[in-house]
Amino acid sequence: MSSSKTQFHLVGRVLGVDSSSKGKIKGLHLLNEEGTHRIKLSSSLRSQSLALEPGTWVSVRGTEKHKAKPDKTKLKAKQIQPHPGLRQLSKPGHGDPCPALDIEETPSSASQPDNPPIKAKAPAGKILVCQKSKCRKRASGDLCKLLKQSLDEYGLGESIQVQGTGCLKRCKSAPNLVVLPKKARHSNIKPQEIPALVEQHFG
């Protein structure tokens, strides 16, 4: 089984970390314009006390190992440094990753006009992500990006919407989201839990 190694350099925002049973950080989840990246830490980095709080901007250098069969790439960090970050993750013209939700009551079937306006096909489901201060501070905007990416990977990007919403009254458990139509609430959401959450509700 052939494999090749190259060097990589990524700059992005920490979404979350993987820790060992002893509390040592062994990997991190990084978000940048290319998407999300799962990066293992080298043994020398694992022994260091790294500030990798969600939302922190970092510059990561290391080795990228690619295996031809199966087609798989693994990233291992050799160096992690703080980075001043960027003003926004969204590319120009892409808008807010988690647009505000327009709350509308479902119109009654009674007294409908003779020629009702043609409506776009309603989404099969929605994921509402709280965008109030506590959730914002815990990277709820980045969760929107990760949710959209996971939905796209499942081929659900067109049928399931991700939208921002007001306070869900669980500020101490931020970040929070609600999955519709089941109205399933999730709190203390960690970035690495997003793929499993999407599969649980829509897989």
Protein backbone atom coordinates (compact mmCIF):
# COMPACT_ATOMS: atom_id res chain seq x y z
CA MET A 1 0.00 0.00 0.00
CA SER A 2 1.81 3.14 -1.22
CA SER A 3 1.72 6.43 0.66
CA SER A 4 3.29 9.86 0.34
CA LYS A 5 4.10 12.67 2.76
CA THR A 6 4.01 16.41 2.16
CA GLN A 7 4.14 19.50 4.34
CA PHE A 8 1.01 21.53 5.10
CA HIS A 9 0.29 24.95 6.59
CA LEU A 10 -3.26 25.83 7.64
CA VAL A 11 -4.66 28.95 9.28
CA GLY A 12 -8.09 28.75 10.83
CA ARG A 13 -10.32 28.80 13.86
CA VAL A 14 -10.44 26.04 16.48
CA LEU A 15 -13.83 24.34 16.54
CA GLY A 16 -12.99 21.78 19.20
CA VAL A 17 -10.38 19.32 20.45
CA ASP A 18 -10.05 15.59 21.04
CA SER A 19 -8.66 14.71 24.46
CA SER A 20 -7.28 11.53 25.99
CA SER A 21 -8.67 9.95 29.16
CA LYS A 22 -5.97 11.86 31.07
CA GLY A 23 -7.11 15.20 29.66
CA LYS A 24 -4.22 15.64 27.23
CA ILE A 25 -5.14 17.19 23.88
CA LYS A 26 -4.44 14.68 21.12
CA GLY A 27 -6.14 16.36 18.17
CA LEU A 28 -8.06 19.41 17.04
CA HIS A 29 -10.82 20.36 14.61
CA LEU A 30 -9.96 23.41 12.51
CA LEU A 31 -12.31 25.52 10.39
CA ASN A 32 -11.17 27.70 7.50
CA GLU A 33 -12.38 28.72 4.05
CA GLU A 34 -11.67 25.21 2.71
CA GLY A 35 -13.90 23.54 5.29
CA THR A 36 -13.12 21.59 8.43
CA HIS A 37 -9.94 19.64 9.12
CA ARG A 38 -9.23 17.01 11.76
CA ILE A 39 -5.58 17.27 12.78
CA LYS A 40 -3.70 14.93 15.10
CA LEU A 41 -1.04 16.40 17.36
CA SER A 42 2.52 15.09 17.38
CA SER A 43 3.78 13.56 20.63
CA SER A 44 5.86 16.68 21.36
CA LEU A 45 2.77 18.92 21.05
CA ARG A 46 0.65 16.66 23.25
CA SER A 47 3.01 17.26 26.17
CA GLN A 48 2.60 21.05 25.88
CA SER A 49 -0.08 23.20 27.49
CA LEU A 50 -1.77 24.62 24.42
CA ALA A 51 -4.49 27.28 24.47
CA LEU A 52 -6.94 25.74 22.00
CA GLU A 53 -10.27 27.14 23.16
CA PRO A 54 -13.09 27.06 20.56
CA GLY A 55 -12.94 30.22 18.47
CA THR A 56 -9.17 30.67 18.87
CA TRP A 57 -7.29 31.48 15.65
CA VAL A 58 -4.17 29.40 15.10
CA SER A 59 -1.53 28.70 12.48
CA VAL A 60 -0.79 24.97 12.13
CA ARG A 61 2.19 23.40 10.34
CA GLY A 62 2.89 19.71 9.96
CA THR A 63 2.89 16.70 7.67
CA GLU A 64 0.14 15.45 5.40
CA LYS A 65 0.16 11.71 4.75
CA HIS A 66 -1.82 10.44 1.79
CA LYS A 67 -2.59 6.77 1.18
CA ALA A 68 -3.55 5.73 -2.33
CA LYS A 69 -5.60 2.73 -1.16
CA PRO A 70 -7.88 3.61 0.48
CA ASP A 71 -7.90 7.21 -0.72
CA LYS A 72 -7.27 8.84 2.63
CA THR A 73 -5.33 11.82 3.95
CA LYS A 74 -4.11 12.24 7.52
CA LEU A 75 -2.82 15.50 9.00
CA LYS A 76 -0.36 15.61 11.91
CA ALA A 77 0.57 18.93 13.50
CA LYS A 78 4.21 19.62 14.34
CA GLN A 79 3.82 23.29 15.23
CA ILE A 80 0.83 25.35 16.46
CA GLN A 81 1.05 29.10 16.96
CA PRO A 82 -1.52 31.81 17.80
CA HIS A 83 -2.72 33.76 14.79
CA PRO A 84 -4.35 37.22 14.70
CA GLY A 85 -7.21 35.76 12.64
CA LEU A 86 -9.35 37.23 9.94
CA ARG A 87 -12.28 39.59 10.13
CA GLN A 88 -14.64 36.97 8.72
CA LEU A 89 -14.65 33.38 7.57
CA SER A 90 -17.20 33.87 4.83
CA LYS A 91 -15.89 34.60 1.36
CA PRO A 92 -16.99 37.93 -0.18
CA GLY A 93 -20.57 37.67 -1.32
CA HIS A 94 -21.33 34.52 0.67
CA GLY A 95 -23.16 36.44 3.41
CA ASP A 96 -23.85 35.42 6.96
CA PRO A 97 -23.28 31.66 7.48
CA CYS A 98 -26.30 31.61 9.77
CA PRO A 99 -28.89 34.14 8.52
CA ALA A 100 -31.57 35.31 10.91
CA LEU A 101 -34.77 33.31 10.94
CA ASP A 102 -37.89 35.04 9.68
CA ILE A 103 -40.56 33.85 12.10
CA GLU A 104 -43.91 33.58 10.38
CA GLU A 105 -47.12 31.88 11.43
CA THR A 106 -48.43 29.24 9.05
CA PRO A 107 -51.37 30.83 7.22
CA SER A 108 -54.79 29.34 7.91
CA SER A 109 -56.30 27.23 5.16
CA ALA A 110 -59.51 29.23 5.54
CA SER A 111 -60.27 32.32 3.46
CA GLN A 112 -57.55 31.66 0.90
CA PRO A 113 -57.64 33.89 -2.19
CA ASP A 114 -58.78 32.37 -5.48
CA ASN A 115 -55.28 32.68 -6.94
CA PRO A 116 -52.80 32.14 -4.10
CA PRO A 117 -49.17 33.10 -4.83
CA ILE A 118 -46.89 30.31 -5.93
CA LYS A 119 -44.61 29.34 -3.08
CA ALA A 120 -41.19 27.78 -3.22
CA LYS A 121 -40.96 24.18 -2.07
CA ALA A 122 -40.72 24.09 1.70
CA PRO A 123 -37.59 22.50 3.19
CA ALA A 124 -37.91 18.99 4.63
CA GLY A 125 -36.42 20.20 7.89
CA LYS A 126 -34.58 23.03 9.59
CA ILE A 127 -31.84 23.39 12.15
CA LEU A 128 -32.21 26.56 14.19
CA VAL A 129 -28.99 27.76 15.82
CA CYS A 130 -29.16 30.31 18.63
CA GLN A 131 -27.35 33.53 17.71
CA LYS A 132 -27.62 35.45 20.99
CA SER A 133 -24.54 36.63 22.89
CA LYS A 134 -23.62 33.53 24.93
CA CYS A 135 -23.97 31.19 21.95
CA ARG A 136 -22.16 33.63 19.66
CA LYS A 137 -19.23 33.73 22.08
CA ARG A 138 -19.07 29.94 21.89
CA ALA A 139 -18.76 29.95 18.09
CA SER A 140 -22.40 29.26 17.13
CA GLY A 141 -21.70 31.02 13.82
CA ASP A 142 -18.99 28.48 13.06
CA LEU A 143 -21.37 25.65 14.00
CA CYS A 144 -23.64 26.90 11.21
CA LYS A 145 -20.81 26.43 8.71
CA LEU A 146 -20.07 22.96 10.03
CA LEU A 147 -23.75 21.98 9.92
CA LYS A 148 -24.05 23.13 6.31
CA GLN A 149 -20.93 21.21 5.35
CA SER A 150 -22.20 18.01 7.03
CA LEU A 151 -25.60 18.38 5.33
CA ASP A 152 -23.90 18.82 1.97
CA GLU A 153 -21.86 15.66 2.57
CA TYR A 154 -25.12 13.76 3.14
CA GLY A 155 -26.68 15.33 0.03
CA LEU A 156 -29.15 17.26 2.20
CA GLY A 157 -27.90 20.78 1.55
CA GLU A 158 -30.95 21.70 -0.52
CA SER A 159 -33.64 20.04 1.62
CA ILE A 160 -32.50 20.99 5.14
CA GLN A 161 -32.02 24.64 6.07
CA VAL A 162 -29.68 26.03 8.71
CA GLN A 163 -30.90 29.31 10.17
CA GLY A 164 -30.19 31.57 13.11
CA THR A 165 -32.80 32.12 15.77
CA GLY A 166 -33.29 34.09 18.98
CA CYS A 167 -32.50 33.05 22.52
CA LEU A 168 -33.46 29.44 23.34
CA LYS A 169 -33.41 30.16 27.11
CA ARG A 170 -30.53 27.80 27.83
CA CYS A 171 -27.69 30.31 28.01
CA LYS A 172 -25.73 28.34 30.61
CA SER A 173 -25.64 25.40 28.19
CA ALA A 174 -24.53 27.36 25.10
CA PRO A 175 -24.26 26.80 22.23
CA ASN A 176 -27.83 25.61 21.59
CA LEU A 177 -29.82 24.47 18.58
CA VAL A 178 -33.21 22.98 17.69
CA VAL A 179 -33.85 20.43 14.95
CA LEU A 180 -37.22 20.71 13.18
CA PRO A 181 -39.76 19.27 12.60
CA LYS A 182 -39.03 17.05 15.62
CA LYS A 183 -38.29 20.10 17.82
CA ALA A 184 -35.34 18.20 19.27
CA ARG A 185 -33.18 20.49 21.40
CA HIS A 186 -29.42 20.06 21.75
CA SER A 187 -27.20 22.00 24.17
CA ASN A 188 -23.45 22.23 24.82
CA ILE A 189 -22.91 21.25 21.19
CA LYS A 190 -19.31 20.41 20.35
CA PRO A 191 -18.08 20.71 16.74
CA GLN A 192 -17.01 17.08 16.58
CA GLU A 193 -20.59 16.04 17.46
CA ILE A 194 -22.15 17.72 14.40
CA PRO A 195 -21.73 14.83 11.89
CA ALA A 196 -23.32 12.37 14.34
CA LEU A 197 -26.16 14.81 15.05
CA VAL A 198 -26.92 15.21 11.35
CA GLU A 199 -26.85 11.44 10.86
CA GLN A 200 -29.09 10.92 13.92
CA HIS A 201 -31.85 13.16 12.59
CA PHE A 202 -31.51 12.97 8.81
CA GLY A 203 -29.23 10.01 8.00
